[in-house]
ModelCIF file with pLDDT and N, C-alpha, C, O atoms, coordinates in Angstrom:
data_MODEL
#
_entry.id   MODEL 
#
_entity.id                         1 
_entity.type                       polymer 
_entity.pdbx_number_of_molecules   1 
#
_entity_poly.entity_id                      1 
_entity_poly.type                           'polypeptide(L)' 
_entity_poly.nstd_linkage                   no 
_entity_poly.nstd_monomer                   no 
_entity_poly.pdbx_seq_one_letter_code       HGMKPVIAGGAEAWIVARELAEADVPVILNALEDLPQDFDRL 
_entity_poly.pdbx_seq_one_letter_code_can   HGMKPVIAGGAEAWIVARELAEADVPVILNALEDLPQDFDRL 
_entity_poly.pdbx_strand_id                 A 
#
loop_
_entity_poly_seq.entity_id 
_entity_poly_seq.num 
_entity_poly_seq.mon_id 
_entity_poly_seq.hetero 
1 1  HIS n 
1 2  GLY n 
1 3  MET n 
1 4  LYS n 
1 5  PRO n 
1 6  VAL n 
1 7  ILE n 
1 8  ALA n 
1 9  GLY n 
1 10 GLY n 
1 11 ALA n 
1 12 GLU n 
1 13 ALA n 
1 14 TRP n 
1 15 ILE n 
1 16 VAL n 
1 17 ALA n 
1 18 ARG n 
1 19 GLU n 
1 20 LEU n 
1 21 ALA n 
1 22 GLU n 
1 23 ALA n 
1 24 ASP n 
1 25 VAL n 
1 26 PRO n 
1 27 VAL n 
1 28 ILE n 
1 29 LEU n 
1 30 ASN n 
1 31 ALA n 
1 32 LEU n 
1 33 GLU n 
1 34 ASP n 
1 35 LEU n 
1 36 PRO n 
1 37 GLN n 
1 38 ASP n 
1 39 PHE n 
1 40 ASP n 
1 41 ARG n 
1 42 LEU n 
#
_struct_asym.id          A 
_struct_asym.entity_id   1 
#
loop_
_ma_qa_metric.id 
_ma_qa_metric.mode 
_ma_qa_metric.name 
_ma_qa_metric.software_group_id 
_ma_qa_metric.type 
1 global pLDDT . pLDDT 
2 local  pLDDT . pLDDT 
#
_ma_qa_metric_global.metric_id      1 
_ma_qa_metric_global.metric_value   96.02 
_ma_qa_metric_global.model_id       1 
_ma_qa_metric_global.ordinal_id     1 
#
loop_
_ma_qa_metric_local.label_asym_id 
_ma_qa_metric_local.label_comp_id 
_ma_qa_metric_local.label_seq_id 
_ma_qa_metric_local.metric_id 
_ma_qa_metric_local.metric_value 
_ma_qa_metric_local.model_id 
_ma_qa_metric_local.ordinal_id 
A HIS 1  2 97.00 1 1  
A GLY 2  2 97.00 1 2  
A MET 3  2 97.00 1 3  
A LYS 4  2 98.00 1 4  
A PRO 5  2 98.00 1 5  
A VAL 6  2 98.00 1 6  
A ILE 7  2 98.00 1 7  
A ALA 8  2 97.00 1 8  
A GLY 9  2 96.00 1 9  
A GLY 10 2 97.00 1 10 
A ALA 11 2 97.00 1 11 
A GLU 12 2 98.00 1 12 
A ALA 13 2 98.00 1 13 
A TRP 14 2 98.00 1 14 
A ILE 15 2 98.00 1 15 
A VAL 16 2 98.00 1 16 
A ALA 17 2 98.00 1 17 
A ARG 18 2 98.00 1 18 
A GLU 19 2 98.00 1 19 
A LEU 20 2 98.00 1 20 
A ALA 21 2 98.00 1 21 
A GLU 22 2 98.00 1 22 
A ALA 23 2 98.00 1 23 
A ASP 24 2 98.00 1 24 
A VAL 25 2 98.00 1 25 
A PRO 26 2 98.00 1 26 
A VAL 27 2 98.00 1 27 
A ILE 28 2 98.00 1 28 
A LEU 29 2 97.00 1 29 
A ASN 30 2 96.00 1 30 
A ALA 31 2 95.00 1 31 
A LEU 32 2 94.00 1 32 
A GLU 33 2 91.00 1 33 
A ASP 34 2 91.00 1 34 
A LEU 35 2 88.00 1 35 
A PRO 36 2 89.00 1 36 
A GLN 37 2 87.00 1 37 
A ASP 38 2 91.00 1 38 
A PHE 39 2 94.00 1 39 
A ASP 40 2 93.00 1 40 
A ARG 41 2 95.00 1 41 
A LEU 42 2 96.00 1 42 
#
loop_
_atom_site.group_PDB 
_atom_site.id 
_atom_site.type_symbol 
_atom_site.label_atom_id 
_atom_site.label_alt_id 
_atom_site.label_comp_id 
_atom_site.label_asym_id 
_atom_site.label_entity_id 
_atom_site.label_seq_id 
_atom_site.pdbx_PDB_ins_code 
_atom_site.Cartn_x 
_atom_site.Cartn_y 
_atom_site.Cartn_z 
_atom_site.occupancy 
_atom_site.B_iso_or_equiv 
_atom_site.pdbx_formal_charge 
_atom_site.auth_seq_id 
_atom_site.auth_comp_id 
_atom_site.auth_asym_id 
_atom_site.auth_atom_id 
_atom_site.pdbx_PDB_model_num 
ATOM 1   N N  . HIS A 1 1  ? 90.416 112.699 120.601 1.00 97.00 ? 1  HIS A N  1 
ATOM 2   C CA . HIS A 1 1  ? 91.573 112.337 121.277 1.00 97.00 ? 1  HIS A CA 1 
ATOM 3   C C  . HIS A 1 1  ? 91.706 111.160 121.032 1.00 97.00 ? 1  HIS A C  1 
ATOM 4   O O  . HIS A 1 1  ? 92.740 110.618 121.421 1.00 97.00 ? 1  HIS A O  1 
ATOM 5   N N  . GLY A 1 2  ? 90.595 110.297 120.228 1.00 97.00 ? 2  GLY A N  1 
ATOM 6   C CA . GLY A 1 2  ? 91.184 108.943 120.506 1.00 97.00 ? 2  GLY A CA 1 
ATOM 7   C C  . GLY A 1 2  ? 90.738 108.052 121.617 1.00 97.00 ? 2  GLY A C  1 
ATOM 8   O O  . GLY A 1 2  ? 91.522 107.179 121.991 1.00 97.00 ? 2  GLY A O  1 
ATOM 9   N N  . MET A 1 3  ? 89.830 108.142 122.062 1.00 97.00 ? 3  MET A N  1 
ATOM 10  C CA . MET A 1 3  ? 89.574 107.409 123.272 1.00 97.00 ? 3  MET A CA 1 
ATOM 11  C C  . MET A 1 3  ? 88.166 107.168 123.499 1.00 97.00 ? 3  MET A C  1 
ATOM 12  O O  . MET A 1 3  ? 87.233 107.971 123.518 1.00 97.00 ? 3  MET A O  1 
ATOM 13  N N  . LYS A 1 4  ? 88.185 105.853 123.675 1.00 98.00 ? 4  LYS A N  1 
ATOM 14  C CA . LYS A 1 4  ? 86.715 104.754 123.204 1.00 98.00 ? 4  LYS A CA 1 
ATOM 15  C C  . LYS A 1 4  ? 86.017 105.421 125.066 1.00 98.00 ? 4  LYS A C  1 
ATOM 16  O O  . LYS A 1 4  ? 86.535 105.213 126.163 1.00 98.00 ? 4  LYS A O  1 
ATOM 17  N N  . PRO A 1 5  ? 84.462 106.382 124.676 1.00 98.00 ? 5  PRO A N  1 
ATOM 18  C CA . PRO A 1 5  ? 83.835 106.592 125.454 1.00 98.00 ? 5  PRO A CA 1 
ATOM 19  C C  . PRO A 1 5  ? 82.603 105.536 126.039 1.00 98.00 ? 5  PRO A C  1 
ATOM 20  O O  . PRO A 1 5  ? 82.161 104.566 125.423 1.00 98.00 ? 5  PRO A O  1 
ATOM 21  N N  . VAL A 1 6  ? 82.315 105.852 126.960 1.00 98.00 ? 6  VAL A N  1 
ATOM 22  C CA . VAL A 1 6  ? 81.296 105.093 128.021 1.00 98.00 ? 6  VAL A CA 1 
ATOM 23  C C  . VAL A 1 6  ? 80.536 105.898 128.566 1.00 98.00 ? 6  VAL A C  1 
ATOM 24  O O  . VAL A 1 6  ? 81.152 106.727 129.236 1.00 98.00 ? 6  VAL A O  1 
ATOM 25  N N  . ILE A 1 7  ? 79.363 106.023 128.569 1.00 98.00 ? 7  ILE A N  1 
ATOM 26  C CA . ILE A 1 7  ? 78.550 106.981 129.555 1.00 98.00 ? 7  ILE A CA 1 
ATOM 27  C C  . ILE A 1 7  ? 78.209 106.235 130.818 1.00 98.00 ? 7  ILE A C  1 
ATOM 28  O O  . ILE A 1 7  ? 77.781 105.082 130.776 1.00 98.00 ? 7  ILE A O  1 
ATOM 29  N N  . ALA A 1 8  ? 78.468 107.142 132.366 1.00 97.00 ? 8  ALA A N  1 
ATOM 30  C CA . ALA A 1 8  ? 78.208 106.329 133.180 1.00 97.00 ? 8  ALA A CA 1 
ATOM 31  C C  . ALA A 1 8  ? 76.999 107.221 134.063 1.00 97.00 ? 8  ALA A C  1 
ATOM 32  O O  . ALA A 1 8  ? 77.135 108.441 133.972 1.00 97.00 ? 8  ALA A O  1 
ATOM 33  N N  . GLY A 1 9  ? 76.005 106.807 134.783 1.00 96.00 ? 9  GLY A N  1 
ATOM 34  C CA . GLY A 1 9  ? 74.820 107.910 134.862 1.00 96.00 ? 9  GLY A CA 1 
ATOM 35  C C  . GLY A 1 9  ? 73.731 108.221 133.911 1.00 96.00 ? 9  GLY A C  1 
ATOM 36  O O  . GLY A 1 9  ? 72.658 107.618 133.943 1.00 96.00 ? 9  GLY A O  1 
ATOM 37  N N  . GLY A 1 10 ? 74.039 109.287 132.950 1.00 97.00 ? 10 GLY A N  1 
ATOM 38  C CA . GLY A 1 10 ? 73.441 108.823 131.747 1.00 97.00 ? 10 GLY A CA 1 
ATOM 39  C C  . GLY A 1 10 ? 71.774 109.149 132.221 1.00 97.00 ? 10 GLY A C  1 
ATOM 40  O O  . GLY A 1 10 ? 70.887 108.395 131.820 1.00 97.00 ? 10 GLY A O  1 
ATOM 41  N N  . ALA A 1 11 ? 71.473 110.271 133.055 1.00 97.00 ? 11 ALA A N  1 
ATOM 42  C CA . ALA A 1 11 ? 69.979 110.569 133.799 1.00 97.00 ? 11 ALA A CA 1 
ATOM 43  C C  . ALA A 1 11 ? 69.278 111.129 132.333 1.00 97.00 ? 11 ALA A C  1 
ATOM 44  O O  . ALA A 1 11 ? 68.115 110.948 131.972 1.00 97.00 ? 11 ALA A O  1 
ATOM 45  N N  . GLU A 1 12 ? 70.215 111.767 131.706 1.00 98.00 ? 12 GLU A N  1 
ATOM 46  C CA . GLU A 1 12 ? 69.246 112.711 130.447 1.00 98.00 ? 12 GLU A CA 1 
ATOM 47  C C  . GLU A 1 12 ? 70.008 112.434 129.267 1.00 98.00 ? 12 GLU A C  1 
ATOM 48  O O  . GLU A 1 12 ? 70.490 113.187 128.421 1.00 98.00 ? 12 GLU A O  1 
ATOM 49  N N  . ALA A 1 13 ? 70.014 110.719 129.442 1.00 98.00 ? 13 ALA A N  1 
ATOM 50  C CA . ALA A 1 13 ? 71.181 110.498 127.659 1.00 98.00 ? 13 ALA A CA 1 
ATOM 51  C C  . ALA A 1 13 ? 70.163 109.967 126.954 1.00 98.00 ? 13 ALA A C  1 
ATOM 52  O O  . ALA A 1 13 ? 70.603 109.782 125.820 1.00 98.00 ? 13 ALA A O  1 
ATOM 53  N N  . TRP A 1 14 ? 68.775 109.542 127.030 1.00 98.00 ? 14 TRP A N  1 
ATOM 54  C CA . TRP A 1 14 ? 67.201 108.986 126.564 1.00 98.00 ? 14 TRP A CA 1 
ATOM 55  C C  . TRP A 1 14 ? 66.990 110.800 125.592 1.00 98.00 ? 14 TRP A C  1 
ATOM 56  O O  . TRP A 1 14 ? 66.003 110.938 124.869 1.00 98.00 ? 14 TRP A O  1 
ATOM 57  N N  . ILE A 1 15 ? 67.999 111.954 125.738 1.00 98.00 ? 15 ILE A N  1 
ATOM 58  C CA . ILE A 1 15 ? 67.411 112.806 124.955 1.00 98.00 ? 15 ILE A CA 1 
ATOM 59  C C  . ILE A 1 15 ? 68.342 112.899 123.624 1.00 98.00 ? 15 ILE A C  1 
ATOM 60  O O  . ILE A 1 15 ? 68.069 113.396 122.531 1.00 98.00 ? 15 ILE A O  1 
ATOM 61  N N  . VAL A 1 16 ? 69.554 112.244 124.081 1.00 98.00 ? 16 VAL A N  1 
ATOM 62  C CA . VAL A 1 16 ? 71.080 112.574 122.893 1.00 98.00 ? 16 VAL A CA 1 
ATOM 63  C C  . VAL A 1 16 ? 70.875 110.802 122.334 1.00 98.00 ? 16 VAL A C  1 
ATOM 64  O O  . VAL A 1 16 ? 71.611 110.499 121.395 1.00 98.00 ? 16 VAL A O  1 
ATOM 65  N N  . ALA A 1 17 ? 69.949 109.697 122.861 1.00 98.00 ? 17 ALA A N  1 
ATOM 66  C CA . ALA A 1 17 ? 69.868 108.711 122.329 1.00 98.00 ? 17 ALA A CA 1 
ATOM 67  C C  . ALA A 1 17 ? 70.402 108.039 121.211 1.00 98.00 ? 17 ALA A C  1 
ATOM 68  O O  . ALA A 1 17 ? 71.274 107.170 121.217 1.00 98.00 ? 17 ALA A O  1 
ATOM 69  N N  . ARG A 1 18 ? 69.567 108.705 119.887 1.00 98.00 ? 18 ARG A N  1 
ATOM 70  C CA . ARG A 1 18 ? 70.135 108.589 118.607 1.00 98.00 ? 18 ARG A CA 1 
ATOM 71  C C  . ARG A 1 18 ? 71.761 109.082 118.481 1.00 98.00 ? 18 ARG A C  1 
ATOM 72  O O  . ARG A 1 18 ? 72.417 108.319 117.771 1.00 98.00 ? 18 ARG A O  1 
ATOM 73  N N  . GLU A 1 19 ? 72.284 109.871 118.872 1.00 98.00 ? 19 GLU A N  1 
ATOM 74  C CA . GLU A 1 19 ? 73.313 109.996 118.602 1.00 98.00 ? 19 GLU A CA 1 
ATOM 75  C C  . GLU A 1 19 ? 74.691 109.509 119.214 1.00 98.00 ? 19 GLU A C  1 
ATOM 76  O O  . GLU A 1 19 ? 75.850 109.517 118.799 1.00 98.00 ? 19 GLU A O  1 
ATOM 77  N N  . LEU A 1 20 ? 74.001 109.033 120.511 1.00 98.00 ? 20 LEU A N  1 
ATOM 78  C CA . LEU A 1 20 ? 74.722 107.819 121.426 1.00 98.00 ? 20 LEU A CA 1 
ATOM 79  C C  . LEU A 1 20 ? 74.748 106.901 120.593 1.00 98.00 ? 20 LEU A C  1 
ATOM 80  O O  . LEU A 1 20 ? 75.703 106.716 119.838 1.00 98.00 ? 20 LEU A O  1 
ATOM 81  N N  . ALA A 1 21 ? 73.752 106.234 120.615 1.00 98.00 ? 21 ALA A N  1 
ATOM 82  C CA . ALA A 1 21 ? 73.688 105.220 119.053 1.00 98.00 ? 21 ALA A CA 1 
ATOM 83  C C  . ALA A 1 21 ? 74.517 105.345 117.771 1.00 98.00 ? 21 ALA A C  1 
ATOM 84  O O  . ALA A 1 21 ? 75.087 104.383 117.255 1.00 98.00 ? 21 ALA A O  1 
ATOM 85  N N  . GLU A 1 22 ? 74.541 106.416 117.358 1.00 98.00 ? 22 GLU A N  1 
ATOM 86  C CA . GLU A 1 22 ? 75.388 106.466 115.723 1.00 98.00 ? 22 GLU A CA 1 
ATOM 87  C C  . GLU A 1 22 ? 76.901 106.884 115.962 1.00 98.00 ? 22 GLU A C  1 
ATOM 88  O O  . GLU A 1 22 ? 77.660 107.146 115.028 1.00 98.00 ? 22 GLU A O  1 
ATOM 89  N N  . ALA A 1 23 ? 77.338 106.929 117.549 1.00 98.00 ? 23 ALA A N  1 
ATOM 90  C CA . ALA A 1 23 ? 78.294 107.238 117.802 1.00 98.00 ? 23 ALA A CA 1 
ATOM 91  C C  . ALA A 1 23 ? 78.950 105.802 118.351 1.00 98.00 ? 23 ALA A C  1 
ATOM 92  O O  . ALA A 1 23 ? 80.154 105.556 118.418 1.00 98.00 ? 23 ALA A O  1 
ATOM 93  N N  . ASP A 1 24 ? 77.867 104.933 118.720 1.00 98.00 ? 24 ASP A N  1 
ATOM 94  C CA . ASP A 1 24 ? 78.432 103.652 118.998 1.00 98.00 ? 24 ASP A CA 1 
ATOM 95  C C  . ASP A 1 24 ? 79.153 103.713 120.952 1.00 98.00 ? 24 ASP A C  1 
ATOM 96  O O  . ASP A 1 24 ? 80.082 103.167 121.547 1.00 98.00 ? 24 ASP A O  1 
ATOM 97  N N  . VAL A 1 25 ? 78.070 104.692 121.307 1.00 98.00 ? 25 VAL A N  1 
ATOM 98  C CA . VAL A 1 25 ? 78.680 104.928 123.215 1.00 98.00 ? 25 VAL A CA 1 
ATOM 99  C C  . VAL A 1 25 ? 77.909 104.090 123.493 1.00 98.00 ? 25 VAL A C  1 
ATOM 100 O O  . VAL A 1 25 ? 76.801 103.972 122.970 1.00 98.00 ? 25 VAL A O  1 
ATOM 101 N N  . PRO A 1 26 ? 78.459 103.240 124.522 1.00 98.00 ? 26 PRO A N  1 
ATOM 102 C CA . PRO A 1 26 ? 76.901 102.276 125.604 1.00 98.00 ? 26 PRO A CA 1 
ATOM 103 C C  . PRO A 1 26 ? 76.970 103.575 126.468 1.00 98.00 ? 26 PRO A C  1 
ATOM 104 O O  . PRO A 1 26 ? 77.666 104.578 126.315 1.00 98.00 ? 26 PRO A O  1 
ATOM 105 N N  . VAL A 1 27 ? 75.683 103.140 127.791 1.00 98.00 ? 27 VAL A N  1 
ATOM 106 C CA . VAL A 1 27 ? 75.463 104.124 129.138 1.00 98.00 ? 27 VAL A CA 1 
ATOM 107 C C  . VAL A 1 27 ? 74.951 102.824 129.767 1.00 98.00 ? 27 VAL A C  1 
ATOM 108 O O  . VAL A 1 27 ? 74.047 102.054 129.443 1.00 98.00 ? 27 VAL A O  1 
ATOM 109 N N  . ILE A 1 28 ? 75.803 102.839 130.744 1.00 98.00 ? 28 ILE A N  1 
ATOM 110 C CA . ILE A 1 28 ? 75.462 102.245 132.443 1.00 98.00 ? 28 ILE A CA 1 
ATOM 111 C C  . ILE A 1 28 ? 75.161 103.115 133.606 1.00 98.00 ? 28 ILE A C  1 
ATOM 112 O O  . ILE A 1 28 ? 75.845 103.777 134.387 1.00 98.00 ? 28 ILE A O  1 
ATOM 113 N N  . LEU A 1 29 ? 73.448 102.800 133.391 1.00 97.00 ? 29 LEU A N  1 
ATOM 114 C CA . LEU A 1 29 ? 72.794 103.645 134.356 1.00 97.00 ? 29 LEU A CA 1 
ATOM 115 C C  . LEU A 1 29 ? 72.208 103.175 135.224 1.00 97.00 ? 29 LEU A C  1 
ATOM 116 O O  . LEU A 1 29 ? 72.166 101.945 135.186 1.00 97.00 ? 29 LEU A O  1 
ATOM 117 N N  . ASN A 1 30 ? 71.418 103.922 136.504 1.00 96.00 ? 30 ASN A N  1 
ATOM 118 C CA . ASN A 1 30 ? 70.964 103.838 137.097 1.00 96.00 ? 30 ASN A CA 1 
ATOM 119 C C  . ASN A 1 30 ? 69.266 103.580 136.950 1.00 96.00 ? 30 ASN A C  1 
ATOM 120 O O  . ASN A 1 30 ? 68.587 104.526 137.348 1.00 96.00 ? 30 ASN A O  1 
ATOM 121 N N  . ALA A 1 31 ? 68.514 102.381 136.411 1.00 95.00 ? 31 ALA A N  1 
ATOM 122 C CA . ALA A 1 31 ? 67.221 102.854 136.016 1.00 95.00 ? 31 ALA A CA 1 
ATOM 123 C C  . ALA A 1 31 ? 65.755 103.127 136.990 1.00 95.00 ? 31 ALA A C  1 
ATOM 124 O O  . ALA A 1 31 ? 64.574 103.103 136.645 1.00 95.00 ? 31 ALA A O  1 
ATOM 125 N N  . LEU A 1 32 ? 66.243 103.331 138.027 1.00 94.00 ? 32 LEU A N  1 
ATOM 126 C CA . LEU A 1 32 ? 65.329 103.657 138.700 1.00 94.00 ? 32 LEU A CA 1 
ATOM 127 C C  . LEU A 1 32 ? 65.174 105.075 139.471 1.00 94.00 ? 32 LEU A C  1 
ATOM 128 O O  . LEU A 1 32 ? 64.325 105.418 140.295 1.00 94.00 ? 32 LEU A O  1 
ATOM 129 N N  . GLU A 1 33 ? 66.410 105.870 138.865 1.00 91.00 ? 33 GLU A N  1 
ATOM 130 C CA . GLU A 1 33 ? 66.857 107.491 138.362 1.00 91.00 ? 33 GLU A CA 1 
ATOM 131 C C  . GLU A 1 33 ? 66.175 107.964 137.840 1.00 91.00 ? 33 GLU A C  1 
ATOM 132 O O  . GLU A 1 33 ? 66.247 108.087 136.617 1.00 91.00 ? 33 GLU A O  1 
ATOM 133 N N  . ASP A 1 34 ? 64.419 108.821 139.180 1.00 91.00 ? 34 ASP A N  1 
ATOM 134 C CA . ASP A 1 34 ? 63.633 109.501 138.454 1.00 91.00 ? 34 ASP A CA 1 
ATOM 135 C C  . ASP A 1 34 ? 62.850 110.927 138.633 1.00 91.00 ? 34 ASP A C  1 
ATOM 136 O O  . ASP A 1 34 ? 61.809 111.450 138.235 1.00 91.00 ? 34 ASP A O  1 
ATOM 137 N N  . LEU A 1 35 ? 64.047 111.268 139.525 1.00 88.00 ? 35 LEU A N  1 
ATOM 138 C CA . LEU A 1 35 ? 63.523 112.610 140.248 1.00 88.00 ? 35 LEU A CA 1 
ATOM 139 C C  . LEU A 1 35 ? 64.773 113.473 139.689 1.00 88.00 ? 35 LEU A C  1 
ATOM 140 O O  . LEU A 1 35 ? 65.823 112.860 139.492 1.00 88.00 ? 35 LEU A O  1 
ATOM 141 N N  . PRO A 1 36 ? 64.724 114.761 139.441 1.00 89.00 ? 36 PRO A N  1 
ATOM 142 C CA . PRO A 1 36 ? 65.918 115.406 139.654 1.00 89.00 ? 36 PRO A CA 1 
ATOM 143 C C  . PRO A 1 36 ? 66.801 116.351 140.927 1.00 89.00 ? 36 PRO A C  1 
ATOM 144 O O  . PRO A 1 36 ? 66.848 117.477 141.423 1.00 89.00 ? 36 PRO A O  1 
ATOM 145 N N  . GLN A 1 37 ? 67.364 115.121 141.009 1.00 87.00 ? 37 GLN A N  1 
ATOM 146 C CA . GLN A 1 37 ? 68.743 115.692 142.324 1.00 87.00 ? 37 GLN A CA 1 
ATOM 147 C C  . GLN A 1 37 ? 69.170 116.435 142.114 1.00 87.00 ? 37 GLN A C  1 
ATOM 148 O O  . GLN A 1 37 ? 69.482 117.008 143.157 1.00 87.00 ? 37 GLN A O  1 
ATOM 149 N N  . ASP A 1 38 ? 69.563 117.095 141.051 1.00 91.00 ? 38 ASP A N  1 
ATOM 150 C CA . ASP A 1 38 ? 70.231 118.075 140.847 1.00 91.00 ? 38 ASP A CA 1 
ATOM 151 C C  . ASP A 1 38 ? 69.607 118.593 139.421 1.00 91.00 ? 38 ASP A C  1 
ATOM 152 O O  . ASP A 1 38 ? 68.684 118.085 138.784 1.00 91.00 ? 38 ASP A O  1 
ATOM 153 N N  . PHE A 1 39 ? 70.611 120.089 139.020 1.00 94.00 ? 39 PHE A N  1 
ATOM 154 C CA . PHE A 1 39 ? 70.499 120.098 137.886 1.00 94.00 ? 39 PHE A CA 1 
ATOM 155 C C  . PHE A 1 39 ? 71.139 120.083 136.584 1.00 94.00 ? 39 PHE A C  1 
ATOM 156 O O  . PHE A 1 39 ? 71.135 120.840 135.613 1.00 94.00 ? 39 PHE A O  1 
ATOM 157 N N  . ASP A 1 40 ? 71.631 119.095 136.845 1.00 93.00 ? 40 ASP A N  1 
ATOM 158 C CA . ASP A 1 40 ? 72.113 117.838 135.825 1.00 93.00 ? 40 ASP A CA 1 
ATOM 159 C C  . ASP A 1 40 ? 71.383 117.235 135.207 1.00 93.00 ? 40 ASP A C  1 
ATOM 160 O O  . ASP A 1 40 ? 71.359 117.023 133.995 1.00 93.00 ? 40 ASP A O  1 
ATOM 161 N N  . ARG A 1 41 ? 70.474 116.786 136.319 1.00 95.00 ? 41 ARG A N  1 
ATOM 162 C CA . ARG A 1 41 ? 69.203 115.434 136.128 1.00 95.00 ? 41 ARG A CA 1 
ATOM 163 C C  . ARG A 1 41 ? 68.366 115.946 136.291 1.00 95.00 ? 41 ARG A C  1 
ATOM 164 O O  . ARG A 1 41 ? 67.870 115.525 137.337 1.00 95.00 ? 41 ARG A O  1 
ATOM 165 N N  . LEU A 1 42 ? 67.378 117.249 135.571 1.00 96.00 ? 42 LEU A N  1 
ATOM 166 C CA . LEU A 1 42 ? 66.076 117.345 135.502 1.00 96.00 ? 42 LEU A CA 1 
ATOM 167 C C  . LEU A 1 42 ? 65.822 116.844 134.290 1.00 96.00 ? 42 LEU A C  1 
ATOM 168 O O  . LEU A 1 42 ? 64.663 116.779 133.881 1.00 96.00 ? 42 LEU A O  1 
#
């Protein structure tokens, strides 16, 4: 839809890192995020 996306949070971004790199999408993250605080961050 013509938007330029930026991911914020991205606790599971490492799983799709190659796809993010290919799409040139940056990630803004909290580097201390290491516990599954909810089901989105397992």
